[in-house]
Amino acid sequence: MCTSIRYQTENGINFLARTMDFGYEIEGQPIIIPRNYHWELEFGGDIPTKYGYVGTGRRMEKFMFADGVNECGLAMVELYFPNEAKYESQPVEGKINLAPHELLSWVLGEISNLAELKERISELVIVAKENPLLGNVIPLHYMITDETGESIVIEPDGQALKIKENPIHVMTNSPEIEWHIKNLNNYIGLQPHKKKKKTVGEYAAIPFGQGSVTFGLPGGYTSPERFVRAAYLLQFTSQAKTTEEGVMSILHILGNVSVPKGTILDDEGDDYTQYRSILNTTEKVYYLMNHDSNQLVSITLTEEMLSRKEPTIYEIPRGVQLTNLN
């Protein structure tokens, strides 16, 4: 599951945001990885982090992340890509060999912007390797943006890794991004303007209400339905003027594609939205709202945090936060 969007305000504040929908309790926490933090790759090599970053992850023998933004304003999320992701079966000599769950950490720690990533993508291969948390090889694809607001997608297909442009600025799950974009052709009649009455034979048909303009907008939680719904909302939601308004607009959009607990059950468990995160690439701020709380928290990448020797791990608030007015 999962849905991600790129959003921009009128004054140019750029965001990458996502829902984390999963059937396994990942127990993620906000974590800051400082500069020069060394971590060992699955296929060998000790790499110092050139750029510090913040995201939601979990500490196993080493840290694993599902999303994050670095000090240069490069932001990246990984989403499930079942039945589509294809990796190398063995490490490739002369390449940087990464497990699927390592690509995000490598990019955030090593790359400053999309232009640099496009130049260096040929250095990388993704090799099938079990994830230590889940015990299987996770099928993943990735959405990335930077301060420019451009958004791209990486979808491993067994061939050399390549960059895909993402003009819709939305990504969900399978199938591939090209299919989702073409599928929008089915929904070009959707529009936010009130429909007028229409004569059918001798009968004057009138809309039941304002919501009639979205008749036909898919409302389920499949990947294609969430893609169309997110694309429509991203296109027509009033553009925010400030950072705070932008954050609120994103929360409203993500709320329309978030999966309530108990509504989708499978063999792996309860597949629901465990958290929503918003990555501000302009101001280097990470926002997080956990399923078990209505409180939005934020973490800013400061020089002091980036210069620490060890990662900083934060606890997530739980429960309902209320403001009593009497």
C-alpha atoms as a PDB file:
ATOM      1  CA  MET A   1       0.000   0.000   0.000  1.00  0.00           C
ATOM      2  CA  CYS A   2       1.134   3.654   0.581  1.00  0.00           C
ATOM      3  CA  THR A   3       0.531   6.884  -1.323  1.00  0.00           C
ATOM      4  CA  SER A   4       3.003   9.712  -1.921  1.00  0.00           C
ATOM      5  CA  ILE A   5       2.636  13.215  -3.379  1.00  0.00           C
ATOM      6  CA  ARG A   6       4.827  16.224  -4.171  1.00  0.00           C
ATOM      7  CA  TYR A   7       3.219  19.522  -3.149  1.00  0.00           C
ATOM      8  CA  GLN A   8       4.303  23.153  -3.540  1.00  0.00           C
ATOM      9  CA  THR A   9       3.019  26.389  -2.000  1.00  0.00           C
ATOM     10  CA  GLU A  10       2.603  29.694  -3.833  1.00  0.00           C
ATOM     11  CA  ASN A  11       5.810  31.011  -2.279  1.00  0.00           C
ATOM     12  CA  GLY A  12       7.814  28.003  -3.477  1.00  0.00           C
ATOM     13  CA  ILE A  13       7.989  25.804  -0.363  1.00  0.00           C
ATOM     14  CA  ASN A  14       8.402  22.257  -1.670  1.00  0.00           C
ATOM     15  CA  PHE A  15       7.167  19.099   0.080  1.00  0.00           C
ATOM     16  CA  LEU A  16       7.250  15.348  -0.435  1.00  0.00           C
ATOM     17  CA  ALA A  17       4.626  13.536   1.629  1.00  0.00           C
ATOM     18  CA  ARG A  18       3.437   9.986   2.099  1.00  0.00           C
ATOM     19  CA  THR A  19       1.190   7.585   3.941  1.00  0.00           C
ATOM     20  CA  MET A  20       2.870   4.487   5.357  1.00  0.00           C
ATOM     21  CA  ASP A  21       0.346   1.679   4.872  1.00  0.00           C
ATOM     22  CA  PHE A  22       1.527  -1.756   5.926  1.00  0.00           C
ATOM     23  CA  GLY A  23       0.248  -4.989   7.443  1.00  0.00           C
ATOM     24  CA  TYR A  24       3.321  -5.545   9.603  1.00  0.00           C
ATOM     25  CA  GLU A  25       3.847  -3.257  12.605  1.00  0.00           C
ATOM     26  CA  ILE A  26       7.082  -1.508  11.625  1.00  0.00           C
ATOM     27  CA  GLU A  27       7.301   0.518  14.869  1.00  0.00           C
ATOM     28  CA  GLY A  28       9.120   3.324  13.099  1.00  0.00           C
ATOM     29  CA  GLN A  29      10.583   6.305  14.953  1.00  0.00           C
ATOM     30  CA  PRO A  30      11.881   9.690  13.796  1.00  0.00           C
ATOM     31  CA  ILE A  31      15.673   9.432  13.536  1.00  0.00           C
ATOM     32  CA  ILE A  32      18.396  11.905  12.573  1.00  0.00           C
ATOM     33  CA  ILE A  33      21.522  10.409  10.984  1.00  0.00           C
ATOM     34  CA  PRO A  34      24.403  12.896  11.372  1.00  0.00           C
ATOM     35  CA  ARG A  35      27.165  13.607   8.882  1.00  0.00           C
ATOM     36  CA  ASN A  36      30.105  11.196   8.809  1.00  0.00           C
ATOM     37  CA  TYR A  37      28.108   8.380  10.392  1.00  0.00           C
ATOM     38  CA  HIS A  38      29.587   5.091   9.161  1.00  0.00           C
ATOM     39  CA  TRP A  39      27.372   2.210   8.139  1.00  0.00           C
ATOM     40  CA  GLU A  40      28.204  -1.114   6.530  1.00  0.00           C
ATOM     41  CA  LEU A  41      26.493  -2.239   3.324  1.00  0.00           C
ATOM     42  CA  GLU A  42      24.951  -5.699   3.041  1.00  0.00           C
ATOM     43  CA  PHE A  43      27.383  -6.585   0.243  1.00  0.00           C
ATOM     44  CA  GLY A  44      30.470  -5.094   1.863  1.00  0.00           C
ATOM     45  CA  GLY A  45      31.960  -1.667   2.289  1.00  0.00           C
ATOM     46  CA  ASP A  46      31.920   0.874   5.089  1.00  0.00           C
ATOM     47  CA  ILE A  47      30.364   4.139   3.950  1.00  0.00           C
ATOM     48  CA  PRO A  48      30.529   7.483   5.802  1.00  0.00           C
ATOM     49  CA  THR A  49      27.395   9.589   5.461  1.00  0.00           C
ATOM     50  CA  LYS A  50      28.313  12.729   3.521  1.00  0.00           C
ATOM     51  CA  TYR A  51      25.005  14.473   4.231  1.00  0.00           C
ATOM     52  CA  GLY A  52      22.938  14.154   7.382  1.00  0.00           C
ATOM     53  CA  TYR A  53      19.245  13.382   7.119  1.00  0.00           C
ATOM     54  CA  VAL A  54      16.051  12.824   9.100  1.00  0.00           C
ATOM     55  CA  GLY A  55      13.268  10.333   8.491  1.00  0.00           C
ATOM     56  CA  THR A  56      11.237   7.539   9.992  1.00  0.00           C
ATOM     57  CA  GLY A  57      13.156   4.335  10.494  1.00  0.00           C
ATOM     58  CA  ARG A  58      13.987   1.546  12.864  1.00  0.00           C
ATOM     59  CA  ARG A  59      17.213   0.390  14.422  1.00  0.00           C
ATOM     60  CA  MET A  60      18.035  -3.259  13.872  1.00  0.00           C
ATOM     61  CA  GLU A  61      21.707  -4.248  13.610  1.00  0.00           C
ATOM     62  CA  LYS A  62      21.815  -1.026  11.619  1.00  0.00           C
ATOM     63  CA  PHE A  63      19.256   1.645  10.737  1.00  0.00           C
ATOM     64  CA  MET A  64      16.615   1.115   8.071  1.00  0.00           C
ATOM     65  CA  PHE A  65      14.490   3.958   6.733  1.00  0.00           C
ATOM     66  CA  ALA A  66      11.248   4.202   4.752  1.00  0.00           C
ATOM     67  CA  ASP A  67      11.526   7.938   3.984  1.00  0.00           C
ATOM     68  CA  GLY A  68      13.654  10.978   4.734  1.00  0.00           C
ATOM     69  CA  VAL A  69      14.994  14.400   3.743  1.00  0.00           C
ATOM     70  CA  ASN A  70      18.659  15.386   3.880  1.00  0.00           C
ATOM     71  CA  GLU A  71      20.404  18.650   4.686  1.00  0.00           C
ATOM     72  CA  CYS A  72      20.623  19.548   0.967  1.00  0.00           C
ATOM     73  CA  GLY A  73      16.872  19.348   0.504  1.00  0.00           C
ATOM     74  CA  LEU A  74      16.767  15.979  -1.272  1.00  0.00           C
ATOM     75  CA  ALA A  75      13.770  13.931  -0.116  1.00  0.00           C
ATOM     76  CA  MET A  76      12.930  10.320  -0.872  1.00  0.00           C
ATOM     77  CA  VAL A  77      10.256   7.745  -0.010  1.00  0.00           C
ATOM     78  CA  GLU A  78      10.093   4.010  -0.694  1.00  0.00           C
ATOM     79  CA  LEU A  79       6.772   2.286  -1.433  1.00  0.00           C
ATOM     80  CA  TYR A  80       5.727  -1.317  -1.940  1.00  0.00           C
ATOM     81  CA  PHE A  81       5.911  -2.493  -5.582  1.00  0.00           C
ATOM     82  CA  PRO A  82       4.568  -6.091  -5.516  1.00  0.00           C
ATOM     83  CA  ASN A  83       4.831  -8.369  -8.568  1.00  0.00           C
ATOM     84  CA  GLU A  84       6.768  -5.692 -10.442  1.00  0.00           C
ATOM     85  CA  ALA A  85      10.130  -5.055  -8.728  1.00  0.00           C
ATOM     86  CA  LYS A  86      12.982  -7.098 -10.205  1.00  0.00           C
ATOM     87  CA  TYR A  87      16.538  -7.058  -8.855  1.00  0.00           C
ATOM     88  CA  GLU A  88      19.933  -8.486  -9.731  1.00  0.00           C
ATOM     89  CA  SER A  89      20.357 -11.975  -8.306  1.00  0.00           C
ATOM     90  CA  GLN A  90      24.066 -11.490  -7.523  1.00  0.00           C
ATOM     91  CA  PRO A  91      26.361  -8.505  -6.862  1.00  0.00           C
ATOM     92  CA  VAL A  92      27.807  -6.898  -9.980  1.00  0.00           C
ATOM     93  CA  GLU A  93      31.537  -6.248 -10.084  1.00  0.00           C
ATOM     94  CA  GLY A  94      32.484  -2.604 -10.477  1.00  0.00           C
ATOM     95  CA  LYS A  95      29.119  -1.325  -9.204  1.00  0.00           C
ATOM     96  CA  ILE A  96      27.805  -0.103  -5.874  1.00  0.00           C
ATOM     97  CA  ASN A  97      25.684  -3.085  -4.831  1.00  0.00           C
ATOM     98  CA  LEU A  98      22.736  -2.204  -2.617  1.00  0.00           C
ATOM     99  CA  ALA A  99      19.938  -4.218  -1.050  1.00  0.00           C
ATOM    100  CA  PRO A 100      16.449  -2.837  -1.835  1.00  0.00           C
ATOM    101  CA  HIS A 101      16.135  -1.442   1.694  1.00  0.00           C
ATOM    102  CA  GLU A 102      19.539   0.295   1.451  1.00  0.00           C
ATOM    103  CA  LEU A 103      18.970   2.493  -1.603  1.00  0.00           C
ATOM    104  CA  LEU A 104      17.144   5.226   0.293  1.00  0.00           C
ATOM    105  CA  SER A 105      19.824   5.563   2.985  1.00  0.00           C
ATOM    106  CA  TRP A 106      22.595   5.575   0.375  1.00  0.00           C
ATOM    107  CA  VAL A 107      20.910   8.278  -1.714  1.00  0.00           C
ATOM    108  CA  LEU A 108      20.079  10.557   1.230  1.00  0.00           C
ATOM    109  CA  GLY A 109      23.568  10.210   2.678  1.00  0.00           C
ATOM    110  CA  GLU A 110      25.468  10.585  -0.591  1.00  0.00           C
ATOM    111  CA  ILE A 111      23.464  12.695  -3.074  1.00  0.00           C
ATOM    112  CA  SER A 112      22.730  16.445  -2.892  1.00  0.00           C
ATOM    113  CA  ASN A 113      20.118  16.903  -5.651  1.00  0.00           C
ATOM    114  CA  LEU A 114      18.331  15.226  -8.559  1.00  0.00           C
ATOM    115  CA  ALA A 115      20.874  16.405 -11.124  1.00  0.00           C
ATOM    116  CA  GLU A 116      23.635  14.567  -9.245  1.00  0.00           C
ATOM    117  CA  LEU A 117      21.487  11.455  -8.849  1.00  0.00           C
ATOM    118  CA  LYS A 118      20.828  11.368 -12.593  1.00  0.00           C
ATOM    119  CA  GLU A 119      24.568  11.495 -13.223  1.00  0.00           C
ATOM    120  CA  ARG A 120      25.389   8.731 -10.732  1.00  0.00           C
ATOM    121  CA  ILE A 121      22.455   6.332 -11.172  1.00  0.00           C
ATOM    122  CA  SER A 122      24.575   4.188 -13.507  1.00  0.00           C
ATOM    123  CA  GLU A 123      26.944   3.420 -10.602  1.00  0.00           C
ATOM    124  CA  LEU A 124      24.204   1.567  -8.715  1.00  0.00           C
ATOM    125  CA  VAL A 125      22.590  -1.849  -8.868  1.00  0.00           C
ATOM    126  CA  ILE A 126      19.971  -3.277  -6.530  1.00  0.00           C
ATOM    127  CA  VAL A 127      20.596  -6.890  -5.561  1.00  0.00           C
ATOM    128  CA  ALA A 128      17.979  -9.234  -4.107  1.00  0.00           C
ATOM    129  CA  LYS A 129      18.629  -9.465  -0.367  1.00  0.00           C
ATOM    130  CA  GLU A 130      16.288 -10.387   2.453  1.00  0.00           C
ATOM    131  CA  ASN A 131      15.187  -7.590   4.719  1.00  0.00           C
ATOM    132  CA  PRO A 132      16.248  -8.490   8.283  1.00  0.00           C
ATOM    133  CA  LEU A 133      13.019  -7.142   9.768  1.00  0.00           C
ATOM    134  CA  LEU A 134      10.563  -8.907   7.462  1.00  0.00           C
ATOM    135  CA  GLY A 135      12.630 -11.939   6.480  1.00  0.00           C
ATOM    136  CA  ASN A 136      11.991 -11.564   2.745  1.00  0.00           C
ATOM    137  CA  VAL A 137      13.144  -9.554  -0.253  1.00  0.00           C
ATOM    138  CA  ILE A 138      10.962  -6.446  -0.238  1.00  0.00           C
ATOM    139  CA  PRO A 139       9.620  -5.309  -3.648  1.00  0.00           C
ATOM    140  CA  LEU A 140      10.139  -1.536  -3.665  1.00  0.00           C
ATOM    141  CA  HIS A 141      10.039   1.502  -5.889  1.00  0.00           C
ATOM    142  CA  TYR A 142      11.034   5.040  -4.967  1.00  0.00           C
ATOM    143  CA  MET A 143       9.850   8.643  -5.405  1.00  0.00           C
ATOM    144  CA  ILE A 144      12.354  11.487  -5.034  1.00  0.00           C
ATOM    145  CA  THR A 145      12.314  15.298  -5.177  1.00  0.00           C
ATOM    146  CA  ASP A 146      14.598  18.176  -4.258  1.00  0.00           C
ATOM    147  CA  GLU A 147      14.376  21.928  -3.748  1.00  0.00           C
ATOM    148  CA  THR A 148      13.580  22.473  -7.457  1.00  0.00           C
ATOM    149  CA  GLY A 149      10.222  20.721  -7.079  1.00  0.00           C
ATOM    150  CA  GLU A 150      10.926  18.223  -9.851  1.00  0.00           C
ATOM    151  CA  SER A 151       9.877  14.694  -8.935  1.00  0.00           C
ATOM    152  CA  ILE A 152      11.193  11.425 -10.297  1.00  0.00           C
ATOM    153  CA  VAL A 153      10.602   7.709  -9.807  1.00  0.00           C
ATOM    154  CA  ILE A 154      12.979   4.732  -9.721  1.00  0.00           C
ATOM    155  CA  GLU A 155      11.329   1.365 -10.472  1.00  0.00           C
ATOM    156  CA  PRO A 156      13.726  -1.617 -10.603  1.00  0.00           C
ATOM    157  CA  ASP A 157      12.785  -3.879 -13.530  1.00  0.00           C
ATOM    158  CA  GLY A 158      15.775  -6.206 -13.740  1.00  0.00           C
ATOM    159  CA  GLN A 159      17.564  -3.936 -16.201  1.00  0.00           C
ATOM    160  CA  ALA A 160      19.953  -1.062 -15.518  1.00  0.00           C
ATOM    161  CA  LEU A 161      18.425   1.419 -13.076  1.00  0.00           C
ATOM    162  CA  LYS A 162      16.922   4.442 -14.766  1.00  0.00           C
ATOM    163  CA  ILE A 163      15.201   7.666 -13.812  1.00  0.00           C
ATOM    164  CA  LYS A 164      11.536   8.118 -14.723  1.00  0.00           C
ATOM    165  CA  GLU A 165      10.080  11.623 -14.794  1.00  0.00           C
ATOM    166  CA  ASN A 166       6.875  12.018 -12.791  1.00  0.00           C
ATOM    167  CA  PRO A 167       4.795  14.927 -14.163  1.00  0.00           C
ATOM    168  CA  ILE A 168       1.754  14.001 -12.024  1.00  0.00           C
ATOM    169  CA  HIS A 169       3.787  14.185  -8.755  1.00  0.00           C
ATOM    170  CA  VAL A 170       1.902  11.187  -7.319  1.00  0.00           C
ATOM    171  CA  MET A 171       2.991   7.610  -6.688  1.00  0.00           C
ATOM    172  CA  THR A 172       1.164   4.651  -5.170  1.00  0.00           C
ATOM    173  CA  ASN A 173       1.968   0.969  -5.788  1.00  0.00           C
ATOM    174  CA  SER A 174       1.798  -1.526  -8.649  1.00  0.00           C
ATOM    175  CA  PRO A 175       1.611  -1.398 -11.586  1.00  0.00           C
ATOM    176  CA  GLU A 176       4.365   0.838 -12.993  1.00  0.00           C
ATOM    177  CA  ILE A 177       4.095   4.647 -13.030  1.00  0.00           C
ATOM    178  CA  GLU A 178       3.477   4.801 -16.800  1.00  0.00           C
ATOM    179  CA  TRP A 179       0.323   2.676 -16.392  1.00  0.00           C
ATOM    180  CA  HIS A 180      -1.041   4.930 -13.647  1.00  0.00           C
ATOM    181  CA  ILE A 181      -0.451   8.066 -15.713  1.00  0.00           C
ATOM    182  CA  LYS A 182      -2.178   6.589 -18.775  1.00  0.00           C
ATOM    183  CA  ASN A 183      -5.084   5.433 -16.598  1.00  0.00           C
ATOM    184  CA  LEU A 184      -5.853   9.091 -15.850  1.00  0.00           C
ATOM    185  CA  ASN A 185      -7.284   9.255 -19.391  1.00  0.00           C
ATOM    186  CA  ASN A 186     -10.345   7.507 -17.940  1.00  0.00           C
ATOM    187  CA  TYR A 187     -11.015  10.410 -15.587  1.00  0.00           C
ATOM    188  CA  ILE A 188     -10.532  13.574 -17.649  1.00  0.00           C
ATOM    189  CA  GLY A 189     -14.219  14.417 -17.154  1.00  0.00           C
ATOM    190  CA  LEU A 190     -13.730  15.052 -13.436  1.00  0.00           C
ATOM    191  CA  GLN A 191     -13.729  18.747 -12.571  1.00  0.00           C
ATOM    192  CA  PRO A 192     -14.385  20.940  -9.528  1.00  0.00           C
ATOM    193  CA  HIS A 193     -16.965  23.246 -11.162  1.00  0.00           C
ATOM    194  CA  LYS A 194     -20.648  22.838 -10.389  1.00  0.00           C
ATOM    195  CA  LYS A 195     -22.579  20.978 -13.071  1.00  0.00           C
ATOM    196  CA  LYS A 196     -25.662  22.542 -14.606  1.00  0.00           C
ATOM    197  CA  LYS A 197     -29.027  20.910 -15.207  1.00  0.00           C
ATOM    198  CA  LYS A 198     -29.462  18.916 -18.387  1.00  0.00           C
ATOM    199  CA  THR A 199     -32.588  18.007 -20.325  1.00  0.00           C
ATOM    200  CA  VAL A 200     -33.025  14.300 -20.958  1.00  0.00           C
ATOM    201  CA  GLY A 201     -36.004  13.879 -23.279  1.00  0.00           C
ATOM    202  CA  GLU A 202     -38.701  15.917 -21.555  1.00  0.00           C
ATOM    203  CA  TYR A 203     -37.115  15.553 -18.120  1.00  0.00           C
ATOM    204  CA  ALA A 204     -34.867  18.263 -16.597  1.00  0.00           C
ATOM    205  CA  ALA A 205     -32.132  16.455 -14.663  1.00  0.00           C
ATOM    206  CA  ILE A 206     -30.432  18.479 -11.947  1.00  0.00           C
ATOM    207  CA  PRO A 207     -27.443  17.603  -9.738  1.00  0.00           C
ATOM    208  CA  PHE A 208     -28.262  16.248  -6.277  1.00  0.00           C
ATOM    209  CA  GLY A 209     -25.669  18.576  -4.757  1.00  0.00           C
ATOM    210  CA  GLN A 210     -22.250  20.175  -5.020  1.00  0.00           C
ATOM    211  CA  GLY A 211     -20.515  16.807  -4.748  1.00  0.00           C
ATOM    212  CA  SER A 212     -21.934  15.728  -8.083  1.00  0.00           C
ATOM    213  CA  VAL A 213     -18.867  17.187  -9.808  1.00  0.00           C
ATOM    214  CA  THR A 214     -16.757  14.325  -8.430  1.00  0.00           C
ATOM    215  CA  PHE A 215     -19.148  11.555  -9.463  1.00  0.00           C
ATOM    216  CA  GLY A 216     -16.935   8.795 -10.837  1.00  0.00           C
ATOM    217  CA  LEU A 217     -13.950   9.589  -8.630  1.00  0.00           C
ATOM    218  CA  PRO A 218     -12.829   6.169  -7.325  1.00  0.00           C
ATOM    219  CA  GLY A 219     -13.209   5.749  -3.594  1.00  0.00           C
ATOM    220  CA  GLY A 220     -11.516   2.417  -2.833  1.00  0.00           C
ATOM    221  CA  TYR A 221      -8.046   1.677  -1.492  1.00  0.00           C
ATOM    222  CA  THR A 222      -6.528  -0.161  -4.444  1.00  0.00           C
ATOM    223  CA  SER A 223      -3.379   1.379  -5.862  1.00  0.00           C
ATOM    224  CA  PRO A 224      -5.053   2.691  -9.065  1.00  0.00           C
ATOM    225  CA  GLU A 225      -7.948   4.194  -7.095  1.00  0.00           C
ATOM    226  CA  ARG A 226      -5.664   5.960  -4.627  1.00  0.00           C
ATOM    227  CA  PHE A 227      -3.496   7.263  -7.476  1.00  0.00           C
ATOM    228  CA  VAL A 228      -6.466   8.823  -9.276  1.00  0.00           C
ATOM    229  CA  ARG A 229      -7.920  10.259  -6.074  1.00  0.00           C
ATOM    230  CA  ALA A 230      -4.587  11.749  -4.991  1.00  0.00           C
ATOM    231  CA  ALA A 231      -3.954  13.163  -8.478  1.00  0.00           C
ATOM    232  CA  TYR A 232      -7.384  14.844  -8.538  1.00  0.00           C
ATOM    233  CA  LEU A 233      -6.972  16.331  -5.056  1.00  0.00           C
ATOM    234  CA  LEU A 234      -3.425  17.488  -5.750  1.00  0.00           C
ATOM    235  CA  GLN A 235      -4.562  19.155  -8.986  1.00  0.00           C
ATOM    236  CA  PHE A 236      -7.558  21.019  -7.588  1.00  0.00           C
ATOM    237  CA  THR A 237      -6.886  21.638  -3.896  1.00  0.00           C
ATOM    238  CA  SER A 238      -6.422  25.406  -3.408  1.00  0.00           C
ATOM    239  CA  GLN A 239      -2.717  26.211  -3.455  1.00  0.00           C
ATOM    240  CA  ALA A 240      -1.424  27.202  -0.040  1.00  0.00           C
ATOM    241  CA  LYS A 241       0.380  30.494   0.472  1.00  0.00           C
ATOM    242  CA  THR A 242       2.550  29.609   3.493  1.00  0.00           C
ATOM    243  CA  THR A 243       4.371  26.643   4.991  1.00  0.00           C
ATOM    244  CA  GLU A 244       1.698  26.062   7.637  1.00  0.00           C
ATOM    245  CA  GLU A 245      -1.104  26.229   5.073  1.00  0.00           C
ATOM    246  CA  GLY A 246       0.843  23.815   2.890  1.00  0.00           C
ATOM    247  CA  VAL A 247       1.179  21.308   5.714  1.00  0.00           C
ATOM    248  CA  MET A 248      -2.563  21.510   6.394  1.00  0.00           C
ATOM    249  CA  SER A 249      -3.421  21.042   2.705  1.00  0.00           C
ATOM    250  CA  ILE A 250      -1.199  17.962   2.542  1.00  0.00           C
ATOM    251  CA  LEU A 251      -2.829  16.462   5.639  1.00  0.00           C
ATOM    252  CA  HIS A 252      -6.259  16.923   4.034  1.00  0.00           C
ATOM    253  CA  ILE A 253      -5.099  15.246   0.808  1.00  0.00           C
ATOM    254  CA  LEU A 254      -3.422  12.347   2.608  1.00  0.00           C
ATOM    255  CA  GLY A 255      -6.474  11.942   4.809  1.00  0.00           C
ATOM    256  CA  ASN A 256      -8.441  11.024   1.683  1.00  0.00           C
ATOM    257  CA  VAL A 257      -6.106   8.134   0.844  1.00  0.00           C
ATOM    258  CA  SER A 258      -5.313   6.967   4.398  1.00  0.00           C
ATOM    259  CA  VAL A 259      -6.514   3.471   5.294  1.00  0.00           C
ATOM    260  CA  PRO A 260      -8.435   3.130   8.599  1.00  0.00           C
ATOM    261  CA  LYS A 261      -7.401   0.260  10.826  1.00  0.00           C
ATOM    262  CA  GLY A 262      -9.483  -2.886  10.325  1.00  0.00           C
ATOM    263  CA  THR A 263     -10.758  -2.112   6.813  1.00  0.00           C
ATOM    264  CA  ILE A 264      -8.178  -4.190   4.894  1.00  0.00           C
ATOM    265  CA  LEU A 265      -7.151  -7.560   6.321  1.00  0.00           C
ATOM    266  CA  ASP A 266      -4.831 -10.088   4.707  1.00  0.00           C
ATOM    267  CA  ASP A 267      -2.657 -13.042   5.681  1.00  0.00           C
ATOM    268  CA  GLU A 268       0.058 -10.693   6.950  1.00  0.00           C
ATOM    269  CA  GLY A 269      -2.249  -8.765   9.250  1.00  0.00           C
ATOM    270  CA  ASP A 270      -4.119  -5.480   9.373  1.00  0.00           C
ATOM    271  CA  ASP A 271      -2.982  -3.316   6.456  1.00  0.00           C
ATOM    272  CA  TYR A 272      -3.585   0.274   7.560  1.00  0.00           C
ATOM    273  CA  THR A 273      -1.943   3.714   7.571  1.00  0.00           C
ATOM    274  CA  GLN A 274       0.572   3.500  10.400  1.00  0.00           C
ATOM    275  CA  TYR A 275       1.785   7.065   9.944  1.00  0.00           C
ATOM    276  CA  ARG A 276       1.767  10.077   7.628  1.00  0.00           C
ATOM    277  CA  SER A 277       4.962  12.030   7.027  1.00  0.00           C
ATOM    278  CA  ILE A 278       5.621  15.367   5.321  1.00  0.00           C
ATOM    279  CA  LEU A 279       9.138  16.253   4.163  1.00  0.00           C
ATOM    280  CA  ASN A 280       9.845  19.976   3.682  1.00  0.00           C
ATOM    281  CA  THR A 281      12.757  20.108   1.227  1.00  0.00           C
ATOM    282  CA  THR A 282      13.014  23.906   1.298  1.00  0.00           C
ATOM    283  CA  GLU A 283      13.307  24.427   5.063  1.00  0.00           C
ATOM    284  CA  LYS A 284      14.616  20.926   5.906  1.00  0.00           C
ATOM    285  CA  VAL A 285      11.821  20.068   8.313  1.00  0.00           C
ATOM    286  CA  TYR A 286      10.294  16.632   8.862  1.00  0.00           C
ATOM    287  CA  TYR A 287       6.681  16.341  10.047  1.00  0.00           C
ATOM    288  CA  LEU A 288       5.087  13.150  11.360  1.00  0.00           C
ATOM    289  CA  MET A 289       1.621  12.101  12.494  1.00  0.00           C
ATOM    290  CA  ASN A 290       1.302   8.616  13.936  1.00  0.00           C
ATOM    291  CA  HIS A 291      -1.845   6.498  13.672  1.00  0.00           C
ATOM    292  CA  ASP A 292      -2.210   6.457  17.454  1.00  0.00           C
ATOM    293  CA  SER A 293      -2.187  10.232  17.841  1.00  0.00           C
ATOM    294  CA  ASN A 294      -3.814  13.303  16.305  1.00  0.00           C
ATOM    295  CA  GLN A 295      -0.721  15.378  17.120  1.00  0.00           C
ATOM    296  CA  LEU A 296       1.604  16.517  14.338  1.00  0.00           C
ATOM    297  CA  VAL A 297       5.256  16.687  15.401  1.00  0.00           C
ATOM    298  CA  SER A 298       8.176  18.282  13.572  1.00  0.00           C
ATOM    299  CA  ILE A 299      11.954  17.931  13.551  1.00  0.00           C
ATOM    300  CA  THR A 300      14.263  20.512  11.975  1.00  0.00           C
ATOM    301  CA  LEU A 301      17.709  19.594  10.672  1.00  0.00           C
ATOM    302  CA  THR A 302      19.999  21.946  12.599  1.00  0.00           C
ATOM    303  CA  GLU A 303      23.769  22.246  12.438  1.00  0.00           C
ATOM    304  CA  GLU A 304      24.039  21.002  16.020  1.00  0.00           C
ATOM    305  CA  MET A 305      22.039  17.829  15.221  1.00  0.00           C
ATOM    306  CA  LEU A 306      23.952  17.203  11.994  1.00  0.00           C
ATOM    307  CA  SER A 307      27.314  17.499  13.780  1.00  0.00           C
ATOM    308  CA  ARG A 308      26.632  14.898  16.470  1.00  0.00           C
ATOM    309  CA  LYS A 309      28.634  11.683  16.585  1.00  0.00           C
ATOM    310  CA  GLU A 310      25.658   9.334  16.905  1.00  0.00           C
ATOM    311  CA  PRO A 311      22.115   9.235  15.506  1.00  0.00           C
ATOM    312  CA  THR A 312      19.309  10.890  17.469  1.00  0.00           C
ATOM    313  CA  ILE A 313      16.167   8.819  18.026  1.00  0.00           C
ATOM    314  CA  TYR A 314      12.862  10.418  19.052  1.00  0.00           C
ATOM    315  CA  GLU A 315       9.834   8.970  20.795  1.00  0.00           C
ATOM    316  CA  ILE A 316       6.475   9.430  19.076  1.00  0.00           C
ATOM    317  CA  PRO A 317       3.605  10.950  21.124  1.00  0.00           C
ATOM    318  CA  ARG A 318       0.548   8.765  21.596  1.00  0.00           C
ATOM    319  CA  GLY A 319      -3.082   9.503  22.383  1.00  0.00           C
ATOM    320  CA  VAL A 320      -5.476  12.341  21.624  1.00  0.00           C
ATOM    321  CA  GLN A 321      -4.173  15.881  22.140  1.00  0.00           C
ATOM    322  CA  LEU A 322      -6.956  18.261  23.188  1.00  0.00           C
ATOM    323  CA  THR A 323      -7.244  22.002  23.761  1.00  0.00           C
ATOM    324  CA  ASN A 324      -9.926  22.604  26.368  1.00  0.00           C
ATOM    325  CA  LEU A 325     -11.805  25.831  25.637  1.00  0.00           C
ATOM    326  CA  ASN A 326     -13.679  26.086  28.949  1.00  0.00           C
END
